[in-house]
Amino acid sequence: MMKLAVISFTVNGTRLNRKLCATLSEKMKTNAAARDEILVFCYVKSKQPPVLEEAGKQPECMVWQRPLNDWAREMFASMDALIFIGATGIAVRAIAPLVQDKFYDPAVLVMDELGQFCIPLLSGHVGGANELAETISQLTGSQAVITTATDVNHQFAVDVFARKNGLKIADRELAKEISAELLTGRKVGFFTDFLWNGVGSSMDCLFHIFFELFKKALLFGLGVVAAGFQLAQKLLLLFRQLRRRFDHDSDKLVAARL
């Protein structure tokens, strides 16, 4: 289950906050699968009476009276995702001291108070921020602003695949290399001990693997042949030089005897 905390600061932002939390909560009530996926907590950070009045229209909406940095710290430790409804700078300053590792940091998103844009800031793949932004976009009509390279280029992402299939990435650098290869248009081999229903049959995958191995072996073999040919030429040249020297010395020896 994903635990999501949403915080707003203005009247319009709080109105959107209430709408978002209510929409997600309603979806959880009507959809058993969604109920297993997300639990929403609504927060408001303000001392302005109009904002507090707007927040009071939803009993579940909690007023946060301590510094925003404290809220961010507590939510970072207890939530799977955070949404700031307000300026991007507010969110960045609040989470900056807390960011450590994209494989462990929660998803962080920002929405403007009119709900026009939903921007994943942190943990777009592993934390699910990109997917959450797409879900919110469908529910509220906002525009999900996705910036991760594999997503905008519609390419396979290793970390997303791992997260959705309950897997862990054993080699982060190798995962980066795979993404880099795909983004440059190159093909990456795929091998698994399990049956796979992805694009292409297992025979296609095996053919591709064997074809790549054959190309490398052929290139290696051609390299060996070329090196052998060069060595043979050098040996032949050396043999001819030795033969000339031997013939020359033999001629000298014959002349001396005569």
C-alpha atoms as a PDB file:
ATOM      1  CA  MET A   1       0.000   0.000   0.000  1.00  0.00           C
ATOM      2  CA  MET A   2       1.296   3.446  -0.917  1.00  0.00           C
ATOM      3  CA  LYS A   3       0.896   6.101   1.785  1.00  0.00           C
ATOM      4  CA  LEU A   4       0.535   9.569   0.281  1.00  0.00           C
ATOM      5  CA  ALA A   5       0.686  12.925   2.117  1.00  0.00           C
ATOM      6  CA  VAL A   6      -0.584  16.101   0.419  1.00  0.00           C
ATOM      7  CA  ILE A   7       0.051  19.616   1.746  1.00  0.00           C
ATOM      8  CA  SER A   8      -1.229  23.013   0.586  1.00  0.00           C
ATOM      9  CA  PHE A   9      -0.740  26.634   1.646  1.00  0.00           C
ATOM     10  CA  THR A  10      -3.376  28.826  -0.020  1.00  0.00           C
ATOM     11  CA  VAL A  11      -7.147  28.892  -0.493  1.00  0.00           C
ATOM     12  CA  ASN A  12      -6.973  27.651  -4.087  1.00  0.00           C
ATOM     13  CA  GLY A  13      -4.286  25.120  -3.166  1.00  0.00           C
ATOM     14  CA  THR A  14      -6.361  23.790  -0.288  1.00  0.00           C
ATOM     15  CA  ARG A  15      -9.422  23.562  -2.509  1.00  0.00           C
ATOM     16  CA  LEU A  16      -7.367  21.434  -4.909  1.00  0.00           C
ATOM     17  CA  ASN A  17      -5.990  19.478  -1.964  1.00  0.00           C
ATOM     18  CA  ARG A  18      -9.493  18.598  -0.807  1.00  0.00           C
ATOM     19  CA  LYS A  19     -10.556  17.669  -4.325  1.00  0.00           C
ATOM     20  CA  LEU A  20      -7.504  15.483  -4.875  1.00  0.00           C
ATOM     21  CA  CYS A  21      -7.811  13.680  -1.550  1.00  0.00           C
ATOM     22  CA  ALA A  22     -11.562  13.191  -2.010  1.00  0.00           C
ATOM     23  CA  THR A  23     -11.094  11.882  -5.553  1.00  0.00           C
ATOM     24  CA  LEU A  24      -8.422   9.421  -4.525  1.00  0.00           C
ATOM     25  CA  SER A  25     -10.434   8.335  -1.489  1.00  0.00           C
ATOM     26  CA  GLU A  26     -13.536   7.815  -3.618  1.00  0.00           C
ATOM     27  CA  LYS A  27     -11.513   5.776  -6.063  1.00  0.00           C
ATOM     28  CA  MET A  28     -10.308   3.601  -3.181  1.00  0.00           C
ATOM     29  CA  LYS A  29     -13.893   3.034  -2.003  1.00  0.00           C
ATOM     30  CA  THR A  30     -15.147   1.994  -5.425  1.00  0.00           C
ATOM     31  CA  ASN A  31     -12.107   0.068  -6.604  1.00  0.00           C
ATOM     32  CA  ALA A  32     -10.725  -2.767  -4.504  1.00  0.00           C
ATOM     33  CA  ALA A  33      -7.451  -2.797  -6.419  1.00  0.00           C
ATOM     34  CA  ALA A  34      -6.948   0.928  -5.810  1.00  0.00           C
ATOM     35  CA  ARG A  35      -7.764   0.516  -2.108  1.00  0.00           C
ATOM     36  CA  ASP A  36      -4.787  -1.831  -1.857  1.00  0.00           C
ATOM     37  CA  GLU A  37      -2.528   0.677  -3.575  1.00  0.00           C
ATOM     38  CA  ILE A  38      -2.881   4.102  -1.943  1.00  0.00           C
ATOM     39  CA  LEU A  39      -3.859   5.775   1.367  1.00  0.00           C
ATOM     40  CA  VAL A  40      -4.141   9.577   1.377  1.00  0.00           C
ATOM     41  CA  PHE A  41      -3.443  12.094   4.184  1.00  0.00           C
ATOM     42  CA  CYS A  42      -4.489  15.736   3.730  1.00  0.00           C
ATOM     43  CA  TYR A  43      -2.493  18.581   5.372  1.00  0.00           C
ATOM     44  CA  VAL A  44      -2.710  22.372   5.328  1.00  0.00           C
ATOM     45  CA  LYS A  45       0.064  24.754   6.407  1.00  0.00           C
ATOM     46  CA  SER A  46      -1.306  28.259   6.990  1.00  0.00           C
ATOM     47  CA  LYS A  47      -2.503  30.724   9.631  1.00  0.00           C
ATOM     48  CA  GLN A  48      -4.814  32.607   7.280  1.00  0.00           C
ATOM     49  CA  PRO A  49      -8.525  32.289   8.259  1.00  0.00           C
ATOM     50  CA  PRO A  50      -9.760  31.802   4.657  1.00  0.00           C
ATOM     51  CA  VAL A  51      -7.331  28.911   4.201  1.00  0.00           C
ATOM     52  CA  LEU A  52      -8.309  27.332   7.505  1.00  0.00           C
ATOM     53  CA  GLU A  53     -11.979  27.770   6.625  1.00  0.00           C
ATOM     54  CA  GLU A  54     -11.430  25.981   3.337  1.00  0.00           C
ATOM     55  CA  ALA A  55      -9.562  23.198   5.133  1.00  0.00           C
ATOM     56  CA  GLY A  56     -12.398  22.839   7.633  1.00  0.00           C
ATOM     57  CA  LYS A  57     -14.762  21.771   4.849  1.00  0.00           C
ATOM     58  CA  GLN A  58     -13.075  18.374   4.951  1.00  0.00           C
ATOM     59  CA  PRO A  59     -12.819  16.922   8.482  1.00  0.00           C
ATOM     60  CA  GLU A  60      -9.943  14.639   7.523  1.00  0.00           C
ATOM     61  CA  CYS A  61      -7.794  17.640   6.518  1.00  0.00           C
ATOM     62  CA  MET A  62      -5.181  18.296   9.225  1.00  0.00           C
ATOM     63  CA  VAL A  63      -3.678  21.709   9.972  1.00  0.00           C
ATOM     64  CA  TRP A  64       0.114  21.607  10.374  1.00  0.00           C
ATOM     65  CA  GLN A  65       1.295  24.320  12.772  1.00  0.00           C
ATOM     66  CA  ARG A  66       4.997  23.499  13.051  1.00  0.00           C
ATOM     67  CA  PRO A  67       7.669  24.486  10.478  1.00  0.00           C
ATOM     68  CA  LEU A  68       7.324  22.997   7.008  1.00  0.00           C
ATOM     69  CA  ASN A  69      10.773  21.391   7.291  1.00  0.00           C
ATOM     70  CA  ASP A  70       9.454  19.326  10.213  1.00  0.00           C
ATOM     71  CA  TRP A  71       6.523  18.154   8.101  1.00  0.00           C
ATOM     72  CA  ALA A  72       8.845  17.179   5.267  1.00  0.00           C
ATOM     73  CA  ARG A  73      11.148  15.319   7.654  1.00  0.00           C
ATOM     74  CA  GLU A  74       8.305  13.353   9.256  1.00  0.00           C
ATOM     75  CA  MET A  75       6.638  12.552   5.946  1.00  0.00           C
ATOM     76  CA  PHE A  76       9.951  11.517   4.394  1.00  0.00           C
ATOM     77  CA  ALA A  77      10.341   8.930   7.136  1.00  0.00           C
ATOM     78  CA  SER A  78       6.765   7.625   7.180  1.00  0.00           C
ATOM     79  CA  MET A  79       5.234   8.123   3.721  1.00  0.00           C
ATOM     80  CA  ASP A  80       5.798   6.603   0.318  1.00  0.00           C
ATOM     81  CA  ALA A  81       4.902   9.784  -1.550  1.00  0.00           C
ATOM     82  CA  LEU A  82       4.587  13.534  -0.866  1.00  0.00           C
ATOM     83  CA  ILE A  83       2.701  16.139  -2.895  1.00  0.00           C
ATOM     84  CA  PHE A  84       3.297  19.857  -2.425  1.00  0.00           C
ATOM     85  CA  ILE A  85       0.526  22.053  -3.844  1.00  0.00           C
ATOM     86  CA  GLY A  86       2.371  25.312  -4.425  1.00  0.00           C
ATOM     87  CA  ALA A  87       5.596  26.671  -5.840  1.00  0.00           C
ATOM     88  CA  THR A  88       8.282  24.198  -6.854  1.00  0.00           C
ATOM     89  CA  GLY A  89      10.843  26.181  -4.855  1.00  0.00           C
ATOM     90  CA  ILE A  90       8.924  25.547  -1.623  1.00  0.00           C
ATOM     91  CA  ALA A  91       9.133  21.800  -2.179  1.00  0.00           C
ATOM     92  CA  VAL A  92      12.797  21.865  -3.214  1.00  0.00           C
ATOM     93  CA  ARG A  93      13.869  23.810  -0.120  1.00  0.00           C
ATOM     94  CA  ALA A  94      11.838  21.563   2.158  1.00  0.00           C
ATOM     95  CA  ILE A  95      13.206  18.257   0.860  1.00  0.00           C
ATOM     96  CA  ALA A  96      16.776  19.314  -0.044  1.00  0.00           C
ATOM     97  CA  PRO A  97      18.369  18.332   3.313  1.00  0.00           C
ATOM     98  CA  LEU A  98      16.567  14.974   3.245  1.00  0.00           C
ATOM     99  CA  VAL A  99      17.442  13.638  -0.209  1.00  0.00           C
ATOM    100  CA  GLN A 100      19.829  10.671  -0.026  1.00  0.00           C
ATOM    101  CA  ASP A 101      19.266   7.856  -2.505  1.00  0.00           C
ATOM    102  CA  LYS A 102      16.814   7.485  -5.374  1.00  0.00           C
ATOM    103  CA  PHE A 103      16.347   3.824  -4.489  1.00  0.00           C
ATOM    104  CA  TYR A 104      15.089   4.703  -0.992  1.00  0.00           C
ATOM    105  CA  ASP A 105      13.760   8.295  -1.085  1.00  0.00           C
ATOM    106  CA  PRO A 106       9.968   8.641  -1.305  1.00  0.00           C
ATOM    107  CA  ALA A 107       8.283   9.979  -4.395  1.00  0.00           C
ATOM    108  CA  VAL A 108       7.919  13.765  -4.327  1.00  0.00           C
ATOM    109  CA  LEU A 109       5.589  15.712  -6.623  1.00  0.00           C
ATOM    110  CA  VAL A 110       4.497  19.325  -7.027  1.00  0.00           C
ATOM    111  CA  MET A 111       1.205  20.717  -8.318  1.00  0.00           C
ATOM    112  CA  ASP A 112       0.384  24.343  -8.972  1.00  0.00           C
ATOM    113  CA  GLU A 113      -2.596  25.587  -6.956  1.00  0.00           C
ATOM    114  CA  LEU A 114      -4.865  25.670 -10.032  1.00  0.00           C
ATOM    115  CA  GLY A 115      -4.117  22.033 -10.802  1.00  0.00           C
ATOM    116  CA  GLN A 116      -2.764  22.686 -14.274  1.00  0.00           C
ATOM    117  CA  PHE A 117       0.475  20.728 -13.877  1.00  0.00           C
ATOM    118  CA  CYS A 118       1.685  17.770 -11.826  1.00  0.00           C
ATOM    119  CA  ILE A 119       5.479  17.520 -11.694  1.00  0.00           C
ATOM    120  CA  PRO A 120       7.424  14.533 -10.327  1.00  0.00           C
ATOM    121  CA  LEU A 121      10.517  15.935  -8.592  1.00  0.00           C
ATOM    122  CA  LEU A 122      12.034  12.903  -6.922  1.00  0.00           C
ATOM    123  CA  SER A 123      12.018   9.109  -7.350  1.00  0.00           C
ATOM    124  CA  GLY A 124      10.166   9.178 -10.648  1.00  0.00           C
ATOM    125  CA  HIS A 125      10.857   5.518 -11.352  1.00  0.00           C
ATOM    126  CA  VAL A 126      11.686   3.537  -8.216  1.00  0.00           C
ATOM    127  CA  GLY A 127       9.430   5.624  -5.976  1.00  0.00           C
ATOM    128  CA  GLY A 128       6.631   5.662  -8.542  1.00  0.00           C
ATOM    129  CA  ALA A 129       6.362   9.472  -8.830  1.00  0.00           C
ATOM    130  CA  ASN A 130       5.910   9.369 -12.616  1.00  0.00           C
ATOM    131  CA  GLU A 131       3.168   6.774 -12.433  1.00  0.00           C
ATOM    132  CA  LEU A 132       1.441   8.686  -9.628  1.00  0.00           C
ATOM    133  CA  ALA A 133       1.578  11.888 -11.700  1.00  0.00           C
ATOM    134  CA  GLU A 134      -0.093  10.061 -14.600  1.00  0.00           C
ATOM    135  CA  THR A 135      -2.810   8.756 -12.263  1.00  0.00           C
ATOM    136  CA  ILE A 136      -3.461  12.234 -10.854  1.00  0.00           C
ATOM    137  CA  SER A 137      -3.516  13.616 -14.381  1.00  0.00           C
ATOM    138  CA  GLN A 138      -6.276  11.196 -15.333  1.00  0.00           C
ATOM    139  CA  LEU A 139      -8.294  11.989 -12.201  1.00  0.00           C
ATOM    140  CA  THR A 140      -7.982  15.783 -12.166  1.00  0.00           C
ATOM    141  CA  GLY A 141      -7.284  16.750 -15.777  1.00  0.00           C
ATOM    142  CA  SER A 142      -3.865  18.170 -14.910  1.00  0.00           C
ATOM    143  CA  GLN A 143      -0.854  17.806 -17.211  1.00  0.00           C
ATOM    144  CA  ALA A 144       1.750  15.340 -15.963  1.00  0.00           C
ATOM    145  CA  VAL A 145       5.176  16.882 -16.588  1.00  0.00           C
ATOM    146  CA  ILE A 146       7.479  13.884 -17.046  1.00  0.00           C
ATOM    147  CA  THR A 147      11.178  14.610 -17.623  1.00  0.00           C
ATOM    148  CA  THR A 148      12.947  11.251 -17.288  1.00  0.00           C
ATOM    149  CA  ALA A 149      14.710  10.318 -20.533  1.00  0.00           C
ATOM    150  CA  THR A 150      13.413   6.764 -20.892  1.00  0.00           C
ATOM    151  CA  ASP A 151       9.816   7.915 -20.392  1.00  0.00           C
ATOM    152  CA  VAL A 152       9.839  10.811 -22.854  1.00  0.00           C
ATOM    153  CA  ASN A 153      11.556   8.564 -25.427  1.00  0.00           C
ATOM    154  CA  HIS A 154       9.198   5.651 -24.688  1.00  0.00           C
ATOM    155  CA  GLN A 155      12.071   3.315 -23.846  1.00  0.00           C
ATOM    156  CA  PHE A 156      12.345   0.383 -21.470  1.00  0.00           C
ATOM    157  CA  ALA A 157      13.456   1.417 -17.949  1.00  0.00           C
ATOM    158  CA  VAL A 158      15.300  -1.151 -15.832  1.00  0.00           C
ATOM    159  CA  ASP A 159      14.293   0.367 -12.487  1.00  0.00           C
ATOM    160  CA  VAL A 160      10.599   0.563 -13.412  1.00  0.00           C
ATOM    161  CA  PHE A 161      10.652  -3.053 -14.580  1.00  0.00           C
ATOM    162  CA  ALA A 162      12.323  -4.095 -11.311  1.00  0.00           C
ATOM    163  CA  ARG A 163       9.814  -2.200  -9.156  1.00  0.00           C
ATOM    164  CA  LYS A 164       6.744  -3.549 -10.947  1.00  0.00           C
ATOM    165  CA  ASN A 165       7.996  -7.126 -10.774  1.00  0.00           C
ATOM    166  CA  GLY A 166       9.213  -7.106  -7.176  1.00  0.00           C
ATOM    167  CA  LEU A 167      12.874  -7.325  -8.177  1.00  0.00           C
ATOM    168  CA  LYS A 168      16.022  -5.635  -6.932  1.00  0.00           C
ATOM    169  CA  ILE A 169      18.764  -4.155  -9.082  1.00  0.00           C
ATOM    170  CA  ALA A 170      22.049  -5.907  -8.308  1.00  0.00           C
ATOM    171  CA  ASP A 171      24.257  -3.568 -10.345  1.00  0.00           C
ATOM    172  CA  ARG A 172      23.251   0.105 -10.597  1.00  0.00           C
ATOM    173  CA  GLU A 173      26.003   1.006 -13.053  1.00  0.00           C
ATOM    174  CA  LEU A 174      24.971  -1.787 -15.381  1.00  0.00           C
ATOM    175  CA  ALA A 175      21.367  -0.588 -15.204  1.00  0.00           C
ATOM    176  CA  LYS A 176      22.554   2.900 -16.247  1.00  0.00           C
ATOM    177  CA  GLU A 177      24.534   1.401 -19.124  1.00  0.00           C
ATOM    178  CA  ILE A 178      21.474  -0.483 -20.377  1.00  0.00           C
ATOM    179  CA  SER A 179      19.385   2.710 -20.358  1.00  0.00           C
ATOM    180  CA  ALA A 180      22.180   4.572 -22.139  1.00  0.00           C
ATOM    181  CA  GLU A 181      22.397   1.872 -24.821  1.00  0.00           C
ATOM    182  CA  LEU A 182      18.651   1.943 -25.411  1.00  0.00           C
ATOM    183  CA  LEU A 183      18.555   5.744 -25.561  1.00  0.00           C
ATOM    184  CA  THR A 184      21.218   5.714 -28.288  1.00  0.00           C
ATOM    185  CA  GLY A 185      19.139   3.297 -30.358  1.00  0.00           C
ATOM    186  CA  ARG A 186      21.166   0.192 -29.689  1.00  0.00           C
ATOM    187  CA  LYS A 187      19.718  -3.238 -28.931  1.00  0.00           C
ATOM    188  CA  VAL A 188      20.259  -4.908 -25.573  1.00  0.00           C
ATOM    189  CA  GLY A 189      20.149  -8.683 -25.166  1.00  0.00           C
ATOM    190  CA  PHE A 190      17.703 -10.193 -22.705  1.00  0.00           C
ATOM    191  CA  PHE A 191      18.040 -13.541 -20.951  1.00  0.00           C
ATOM    192  CA  THR A 192      15.935 -15.097 -18.204  1.00  0.00           C
ATOM    193  CA  ASP A 193      15.500 -18.477 -16.570  1.00  0.00           C
ATOM    194  CA  PHE A 194      11.727 -17.911 -16.576  1.00  0.00           C
ATOM    195  CA  LEU A 195       9.131 -17.890 -19.332  1.00  0.00           C
ATOM    196  CA  TRP A 196       8.630 -14.371 -20.689  1.00  0.00           C
ATOM    197  CA  ASN A 197       5.636 -13.012 -22.584  1.00  0.00           C
ATOM    198  CA  GLY A 198       7.217  -9.774 -23.703  1.00  0.00           C
ATOM    199  CA  VAL A 199       7.720  -8.491 -27.235  1.00  0.00           C
ATOM    200  CA  GLY A 200       9.249 -11.204 -29.425  1.00  0.00           C
ATOM    201  CA  SER A 201       9.436 -14.943 -28.799  1.00  0.00           C
ATOM    202  CA  SER A 202      12.140 -16.726 -26.847  1.00  0.00           C
ATOM    203  CA  MET A 203      13.530 -17.971 -30.180  1.00  0.00           C
ATOM    204  CA  ASP A 204      13.877 -14.354 -31.330  1.00  0.00           C
ATOM    205  CA  CYS A 205      15.810 -13.552 -28.161  1.00  0.00           C
ATOM    206  CA  LEU A 206      18.037 -16.597 -28.559  1.00  0.00           C
ATOM    207  CA  PHE A 207      18.633 -15.789 -32.227  1.00  0.00           C
ATOM    208  CA  HIS A 208      19.622 -12.220 -31.317  1.00  0.00           C
ATOM    209  CA  ILE A 209      21.985 -13.423 -28.580  1.00  0.00           C
ATOM    210  CA  PHE A 210      23.629 -16.027 -30.812  1.00  0.00           C
ATOM    211  CA  PHE A 211      23.851 -13.566 -33.691  1.00  0.00           C
ATOM    212  CA  GLU A 212      25.634 -11.014 -31.501  1.00  0.00           C
ATOM    213  CA  LEU A 213      27.989 -13.703 -30.181  1.00  0.00           C
ATOM    214  CA  PHE A 214      28.649 -14.895 -33.729  1.00  0.00           C
ATOM    215  CA  LYS A 215      29.507 -11.353 -34.853  1.00  0.00           C
ATOM    216  CA  LYS A 216      31.922 -10.919 -31.969  1.00  0.00           C
ATOM    217  CA  ALA A 217      33.492 -14.329 -32.626  1.00  0.00           C
ATOM    218  CA  LEU A 218      33.784 -13.532 -36.331  1.00  0.00           C
ATOM    219  CA  LEU A 219      35.411 -10.179 -35.633  1.00  0.00           C
ATOM    220  CA  PHE A 220      37.740 -11.851 -33.168  1.00  0.00           C
ATOM    221  CA  GLY A 221      38.547 -14.580 -35.693  1.00  0.00           C
ATOM    222  CA  LEU A 222      39.222 -12.031 -38.429  1.00  0.00           C
ATOM    223  CA  GLY A 223      41.448 -10.178 -36.029  1.00  0.00           C
ATOM    224  CA  VAL A 224      43.358 -13.351 -35.264  1.00  0.00           C
ATOM    225  CA  VAL A 225      43.679 -14.181 -38.972  1.00  0.00           C
ATOM    226  CA  ALA A 226      44.903 -10.663 -39.738  1.00  0.00           C
ATOM    227  CA  ALA A 227      47.418 -10.819 -36.923  1.00  0.00           C
ATOM    228  CA  GLY A 228      48.547 -14.265 -38.100  1.00  0.00           C
ATOM    229  CA  PHE A 229      48.942 -13.013 -41.671  1.00  0.00           C
ATOM    230  CA  GLN A 230      51.040 -10.058 -40.507  1.00  0.00           C
ATOM    231  CA  LEU A 231      53.196 -12.399 -38.412  1.00  0.00           C
ATOM    232  CA  ALA A 232      53.667 -14.727 -41.390  1.00  0.00           C
ATOM    233  CA  GLN A 233      54.749 -11.790 -43.565  1.00  0.00           C
ATOM    234  CA  LYS A 234      57.296 -10.705 -40.955  1.00  0.00           C
ATOM    235  CA  LEU A 235      58.643 -14.251 -40.629  1.00  0.00           C
ATOM    236  CA  LEU A 236      58.907 -14.593 -44.417  1.00  0.00           C
ATOM    237  CA  LEU A 237      60.752 -11.261 -44.620  1.00  0.00           C
ATOM    238  CA  LEU A 238      63.108 -12.357 -41.862  1.00  0.00           C
ATOM    239  CA  PHE A 239      63.685 -15.706 -43.605  1.00  0.00           C
ATOM    240  CA  ARG A 240      64.542 -13.932 -46.873  1.00  0.00           C
ATOM    241  CA  GLN A 241      66.993 -11.619 -45.088  1.00  0.00           C
ATOM    242  CA  LEU A 242      68.671 -14.579 -43.404  1.00  0.00           C
ATOM    243  CA  ARG A 243      68.779 -16.434 -46.731  1.00  0.00           C
ATOM    244  CA  ARG A 244      70.441 -13.471 -48.450  1.00  0.00           C
ATOM    245  CA  ARG A 245      72.989 -13.175 -45.642  1.00  0.00           C
ATOM    246  CA  PHE A 246      73.678 -16.906 -45.785  1.00  0.00           C
ATOM    247  CA  ASP A 247      74.144 -16.808 -49.595  1.00  0.00           C
ATOM    248  CA  HIS A 248      76.417 -13.762 -49.286  1.00  0.00           C
ATOM    249  CA  ASP A 249      78.584 -15.448 -46.628  1.00  0.00           C
ATOM    250  CA  SER A 250      78.736 -18.606 -48.723  1.00  0.00           C
ATOM    251  CA  ASP A 251      79.937 -16.645 -51.751  1.00  0.00           C
ATOM    252  CA  LYS A 252      82.668 -15.016 -49.633  1.00  0.00           C
ATOM    253  CA  LEU A 253      83.794 -18.393 -48.353  1.00  0.00           C
ATOM    254  CA  VAL A 254      83.979 -19.867 -51.878  1.00  0.00           C
ATOM    255  CA  ALA A 255      85.948 -16.842 -53.151  1.00  0.00           C
ATOM    256  CA  ALA A 256      88.392 -17.143 -50.284  1.00  0.00           C
ATOM    257  CA  ARG A 257      89.080 -20.786 -51.065  1.00  0.00           C
ATOM    258  CA  LEU A 258      89.698 -20.020 -54.682  1.00  0.00           C
END
